[in-house]
Structure formats: structure tokens, C-alpha cells
Amino acid sequence: MVDAERTLRVLCDEVCAQCPDVLVLEEADEEARPHRGILDMARLEQETGLRSVHTLPVRRWSGESHGFLGVIVLMAPDFEVEGVTLLDLPGQCHRGAVIVDARRGGVALRLVGTHLSLSQPLRIVQMRTLGQHLARRQSRPLIVCGDLNEWRPWGGMAFSHTVLGLSLRGPAVRTFPVGWPVLPLDRILAGEGARVADARALDGPGIRIASDHRPLLGQVVIGG
């Protein structure tokens, strides 16, 4: 059972104390249909200064959801959100990706927030599906992040150019389990003119209670 109030406080007081420009959440809607929202999004936006990209109903799984299959993306107000695409990913458990095309200071970027399967064969199929979708779109600096459930530090087959059709790179920071992280299940990967300059797992008393993963904080450089 998710303690929504406690989770909200941890997000506001510990995670967003780092002043992120983008916040990507997983498992932030209920797992069963109609995937109702869990958090008080108005309070989250008010206390963090970030804004959900899911303002339109077409950008959510249902009218009762806050995001798409638990994935919610929030961005700083100075981002111009040009479009949001919801991509269904195959698997035994319904998974999806939220693809955000945005600009900041005239610089374009594409952010993908997702939560992949625990099964490596399914992760390969899911990343292949994502890669085929992205191949049909005009290229722009790309960030893929979330609970990617890949424990191999080198990334495994799912993140390979052969499967994805793109070259993505990012550090393997241990985020799971929260009390004593040994597996880098959460990732920030970048390519197509973007690179991950730094990434680290956050820690705090609330973080250790609110989730079984540590949040991952990254710095991404576009160009240069």
C-alpha cells in the first residue's frame, strides 16, 4: 500500500531539494485499471515549481490517471513542451513509455520516461519497439530514463545499437535495494547529441522508507 502523503513529502523535501529541471516518476498511478492517480499533483507542482506534461487527457492513460501506466513526467516551467506521445510496450505486464519533445532556450530535446520489464527477453522487445518508433521521427538530442530493470553494468542486449538502432550511453549507478544498493536498475541514458555528464543516487531517511529504489539524479549536457 502506497502512503501517498509520505511519498509526496519525500519528493518535495528530499528529492526535489536538489532542484531538478525534470522529474520522472514510475509506479505513480495505481497498477490496475483505470490506473487512478496516487499523488496530489497540484501540491507537488506548487511545492516543487515543476509542471506536469500530462495536462491534456490525451496525455494520460485515462481521465483518472495522472500519467501513463504509472510514468509521470514533470518539467520546469521554462521548457516549451511541443508534444507528448504515449507508447505502449509489449509484455506480460502492461508497460509504456512517455515521449516528450520539448525546447529550452531554443534548444530541442526528446525525453523518454519508461519502466521496463524484469525479464531480459521482454526488455529487448520493449527497447526494440521504442527504437522502431523513434526511427520514424526526426532526430533530436535524446534522453531515456527510468526504472529500466537492467542489472548489468554494461547495459545488456536491450540497450545495444543492434536492438535500439541508436547509441545511448550513461553511467551504471547502483540504486537497488534502497538500503544497500548493489544493482544499477535505474538509468539515465543519452545520445543523438546529448550526453550524461554526471549521475548519482540520492539518499535520505524518507527516501529509504518511501521506495525500494533510490532516486537517480543526473546532469545531461546537450551539445558541446
Protein backbone atom coordinates (compact mmCIF):
# COMPACT_ATOMS: atom_id res chain seq x y z
CA MET A 1 0.00 0.00 0.00
CA VAL A 2 1.45 3.35 -1.07
CA ASP A 3 1.49 6.10 1.53
CA ALA A 4 0.73 8.98 -0.83
CA GLU A 5 1.30 11.72 1.74
CA ARG A 6 4.67 10.33 2.80
CA THR A 7 5.75 9.85 -0.80
CA LEU A 8 4.77 13.42 -1.62
CA ARG A 9 6.75 14.77 1.33
CA VAL A 10 9.84 12.80 0.33
CA LEU A 11 9.60 14.05 -3.24
CA CYS A 12 9.26 17.66 -2.12
CA ASP A 13 11.66 17.69 0.83
CA GLU A 14 14.42 15.27 -0.21
CA VAL A 15 14.33 14.54 -3.93
CA CYS A 16 13.40 17.99 -5.22
CA ALA A 17 15.67 19.70 -2.69
CA GLN A 18 18.23 19.10 -5.48
CA CYS A 19 16.21 21.50 -7.69
CA PRO A 20 15.86 19.20 -10.72
CA ASP A 21 14.74 20.63 -14.04
CA VAL A 22 12.93 17.39 -14.87
CA LEU A 23 11.31 14.80 -12.61
CA VAL A 24 10.35 11.37 -13.96
CA LEU A 25 8.25 9.11 -11.72
CA GLU A 26 7.39 5.43 -12.11
CA GLU A 27 4.57 3.48 -10.44
CA ALA A 28 2.92 6.81 -9.65
CA ASP A 29 -0.53 5.65 -10.74
CA GLU A 30 -2.37 2.58 -9.48
CA GLU A 31 -1.37 -0.64 -11.23
CA ALA A 32 -4.89 -1.87 -12.00
CA ARG A 33 -7.23 -0.23 -14.47
CA PRO A 34 -8.25 2.57 -14.71
CA HIS A 35 -4.79 3.40 -13.28
CA ARG A 36 -6.02 6.11 -10.95
CA GLY A 37 -3.58 8.77 -9.82
CA ILE A 38 -2.00 8.36 -6.39
CA LEU A 39 -0.29 11.66 -5.61
CA ASP A 40 -1.68 15.14 -5.06
CA MET A 41 -0.28 16.59 -8.28
CA ALA A 42 -1.41 20.14 -7.54
CA ARG A 43 0.62 20.14 -4.30
CA LEU A 44 3.59 18.52 -6.00
CA GLU A 45 3.63 21.21 -8.65
CA GLN A 46 3.12 24.01 -6.14
CA GLU A 47 5.89 22.88 -3.80
CA THR A 48 8.47 21.93 -6.45
CA GLY A 49 7.77 24.55 -9.11
CA LEU A 50 7.69 21.80 -11.74
CA ARG A 51 4.81 21.28 -14.15
CA SER A 52 3.27 18.02 -15.33
CA VAL A 53 3.37 17.45 -19.09
CA HIS A 54 0.13 15.43 -18.80
CA THR A 55 -2.23 18.40 -18.74
CA LEU A 56 -4.36 17.14 -21.63
CA PRO A 57 -6.47 13.97 -21.27
CA VAL A 58 -4.83 12.51 -24.39
CA ARG A 59 -1.52 12.55 -22.49
CA ARG A 60 -2.82 10.22 -19.75
CA TRP A 61 -3.95 6.59 -19.72
CA SER A 62 -7.43 7.56 -18.55
CA GLY A 63 -9.30 10.51 -17.16
CA GLU A 64 -8.50 9.25 -13.66
CA SER A 65 -4.77 8.81 -14.32
CA HIS A 66 -2.04 11.36 -13.68
CA GLY A 67 0.29 9.82 -16.27
CA PHE A 68 0.67 6.78 -18.49
CA LEU A 69 0.87 3.36 -16.84
CA GLY A 70 2.49 4.89 -13.77
CA VAL A 71 5.02 7.04 -15.63
CA ILE A 72 4.68 10.77 -14.95
CA VAL A 73 6.97 13.48 -16.33
CA LEU A 74 7.25 16.94 -14.79
CA MET A 75 9.42 19.73 -16.20
CA ALA A 76 10.49 23.23 -15.20
CA PRO A 77 8.16 25.98 -16.48
CA ASP A 78 10.75 27.36 -18.90
CA PHE A 79 10.56 24.21 -21.01
CA GLU A 80 8.32 24.58 -24.05
CA VAL A 81 6.55 21.24 -24.42
CA GLU A 82 5.97 20.70 -28.13
CA GLY A 83 4.38 17.28 -27.93
CA VAL A 84 3.79 14.23 -25.76
CA THR A 85 3.46 10.72 -27.19
CA LEU A 86 2.30 7.67 -25.24
CA LEU A 87 3.83 4.44 -26.48
CA ASP A 88 2.50 1.02 -25.45
CA LEU A 89 5.26 -1.53 -24.89
CA PRO A 90 4.67 -5.30 -25.17
CA GLY A 91 4.94 -7.58 -22.18
CA GLN A 92 3.14 -9.76 -19.69
CA CYS A 93 2.55 -6.69 -17.52
CA HIS A 94 1.31 -3.61 -19.35
CA ARG A 95 4.26 -1.24 -19.78
CA GLY A 96 4.61 2.05 -21.57
CA ALA A 97 6.82 5.00 -22.41
CA VAL A 98 6.13 8.73 -22.25
CA ILE A 99 7.96 10.57 -25.03
CA VAL A 100 8.26 14.33 -24.60
CA ASP A 101 9.52 16.67 -27.31
CA ALA A 102 10.49 19.99 -25.76
CA ARG A 103 12.66 23.06 -26.15
CA ARG A 104 14.53 25.15 -23.64
CA GLY A 105 16.22 28.35 -24.67
CA GLY A 106 15.66 27.35 -28.27
CA VAL A 107 17.46 24.01 -27.80
CA ALA A 108 15.44 20.94 -28.77
CA LEU A 109 15.43 17.69 -26.85
CA ARG A 110 13.49 14.46 -26.63
CA LEU A 111 12.91 12.83 -23.24
CA VAL A 112 11.66 9.27 -22.83
CA GLY A 113 10.47 8.15 -19.41
CA THR A 114 9.71 4.45 -19.06
CA HIS A 115 9.55 1.43 -16.75
CA LEU A 116 10.79 -1.76 -18.39
CA SER A 117 10.12 -5.42 -17.66
CA LEU A 118 12.00 -7.56 -15.15
CA SER A 119 12.53 -10.09 -17.95
CA GLN A 120 15.52 -9.55 -20.24
CA PRO A 121 13.79 -11.00 -23.35
CA LEU A 122 10.87 -8.63 -22.79
CA ARG A 123 13.22 -5.68 -22.21
CA ILE A 124 14.81 -6.42 -25.57
CA VAL A 125 11.40 -6.43 -27.27
CA GLN A 126 10.35 -3.26 -25.45
CA MET A 127 13.51 -1.36 -26.38
CA ARG A 128 13.22 -2.60 -29.96
CA THR A 129 9.67 -1.26 -30.07
CA LEU A 130 10.88 2.09 -28.74
CA GLY A 131 13.75 2.18 -31.23
CA GLN A 132 11.47 1.47 -34.17
CA HIS A 133 9.15 4.25 -33.07
CA LEU A 134 12.00 6.75 -32.71
CA ALA A 135 13.43 5.78 -36.10
CA ARG A 136 10.30 7.17 -37.77
CA ARG A 137 10.76 10.56 -36.14
CA GLN A 138 13.11 13.42 -36.84
CA SER A 139 16.26 13.02 -34.77
CA ARG A 140 16.96 15.31 -31.83
CA PRO A 141 19.07 15.05 -28.65
CA LEU A 142 17.67 12.09 -26.74
CA ILE A 143 17.41 11.16 -23.06
CA VAL A 144 15.98 7.79 -21.98
CA CYS A 145 15.46 7.34 -18.26
CA GLY A 146 13.52 5.45 -15.63
CA ASP A 147 13.43 2.07 -13.94
CA LEU A 148 14.96 0.08 -16.79
CA ASN A 149 15.43 -3.04 -14.64
CA GLU A 150 18.84 -3.81 -16.17
CA TRP A 151 21.37 -5.00 -13.60
CA ARG A 152 24.31 -5.50 -15.97
CA PRO A 153 26.71 -2.52 -15.68
CA TRP A 154 27.46 -2.72 -19.41
CA GLY A 155 23.77 -2.42 -20.23
CA GLY A 156 22.86 -5.80 -21.65
CA MET A 157 21.46 -6.60 -25.08
CA ALA A 158 18.39 -4.40 -24.63
CA PHE A 159 20.43 -1.18 -24.74
CA SER A 160 22.63 -2.24 -27.67
CA HIS A 161 22.72 -0.43 -31.01
CA THR A 162 21.65 -3.69 -32.64
CA VAL A 163 18.35 -3.69 -30.75
CA LEU A 164 17.64 0.01 -30.33
CA GLY A 165 19.11 1.32 -33.58
CA LEU A 166 20.68 4.15 -31.58
CA SER A 167 23.78 4.56 -29.46
CA LEU A 168 22.90 5.54 -25.90
CA ARG A 169 25.38 5.94 -23.08
CA GLY A 170 25.10 6.54 -19.35
CA PRO A 171 26.72 5.52 -16.08
CA ALA A 172 25.60 2.44 -14.16
CA VAL A 173 24.82 3.81 -10.70
CA ARG A 174 23.64 1.36 -8.06
CA THR A 175 20.11 2.21 -6.95
CA PHE A 176 18.59 -1.06 -5.67
CA PRO A 177 17.82 -2.08 -2.99
CA VAL A 178 17.40 1.24 -1.27
CA GLY A 179 19.12 0.30 2.00
CA TRP A 180 22.31 -1.07 0.45
CA PRO A 181 22.31 -0.58 -3.35
CA VAL A 182 24.07 -3.26 -5.39
CA LEU A 183 22.19 -3.20 -8.72
CA PRO A 184 22.01 -0.30 -11.22
CA LEU A 185 18.36 -0.86 -12.14
CA ASP A 186 17.58 2.82 -12.73
CA ARG A 187 19.36 4.56 -15.59
CA ILE A 188 19.76 7.86 -17.37
CA LEU A 189 20.97 7.25 -20.92
CA ALA A 190 21.63 9.84 -23.61
CA GLY A 191 22.61 10.09 -27.25
CA GLU A 192 21.95 11.85 -30.54
CA GLY A 193 23.88 14.91 -29.36
CA ALA A 194 23.16 14.60 -25.64
CA ARG A 195 25.44 13.07 -23.00
CA VAL A 196 25.17 12.28 -19.30
CA ALA A 197 27.84 14.36 -17.56
CA ASP A 198 27.13 13.07 -14.06
CA ALA A 199 24.74 10.78 -12.18
CA ARG A 200 24.39 9.80 -8.56
CA ALA A 201 21.90 8.01 -6.33
CA LEU A 202 20.18 10.11 -3.68
CA ASP A 203 19.78 9.02 -0.09
CA GLY A 204 17.87 10.22 2.95
CA PRO A 205 15.72 8.96 5.81
CA GLY A 206 12.50 9.48 3.89
CA ILE A 207 13.89 8.01 0.68
CA ARG A 208 14.72 4.76 2.48
CA ILE A 209 11.11 4.40 3.62
CA ALA A 210 9.20 5.68 0.59
CA SER A 211 10.59 3.30 -2.05
CA ASP A 212 12.68 0.19 -2.60
CA HIS A 213 14.82 2.13 -5.10
CA ARG A 214 16.98 5.19 -4.58
CA PRO A 215 16.19 8.15 -6.85
CA LEU A 216 18.77 8.81 -9.55
CA LEU A 217 19.90 12.40 -10.13
CA GLY A 218 21.68 13.19 -13.37
CA GLN A 219 23.17 16.09 -15.27
CA VAL A 220 22.72 15.96 -19.03
CA VAL A 221 24.60 18.18 -21.46
CA ILE A 222 23.18 18.86 -24.91
CA GLY A 223 25.83 19.71 -27.50
CA GLY A 224 29.30 20.84 -26.54
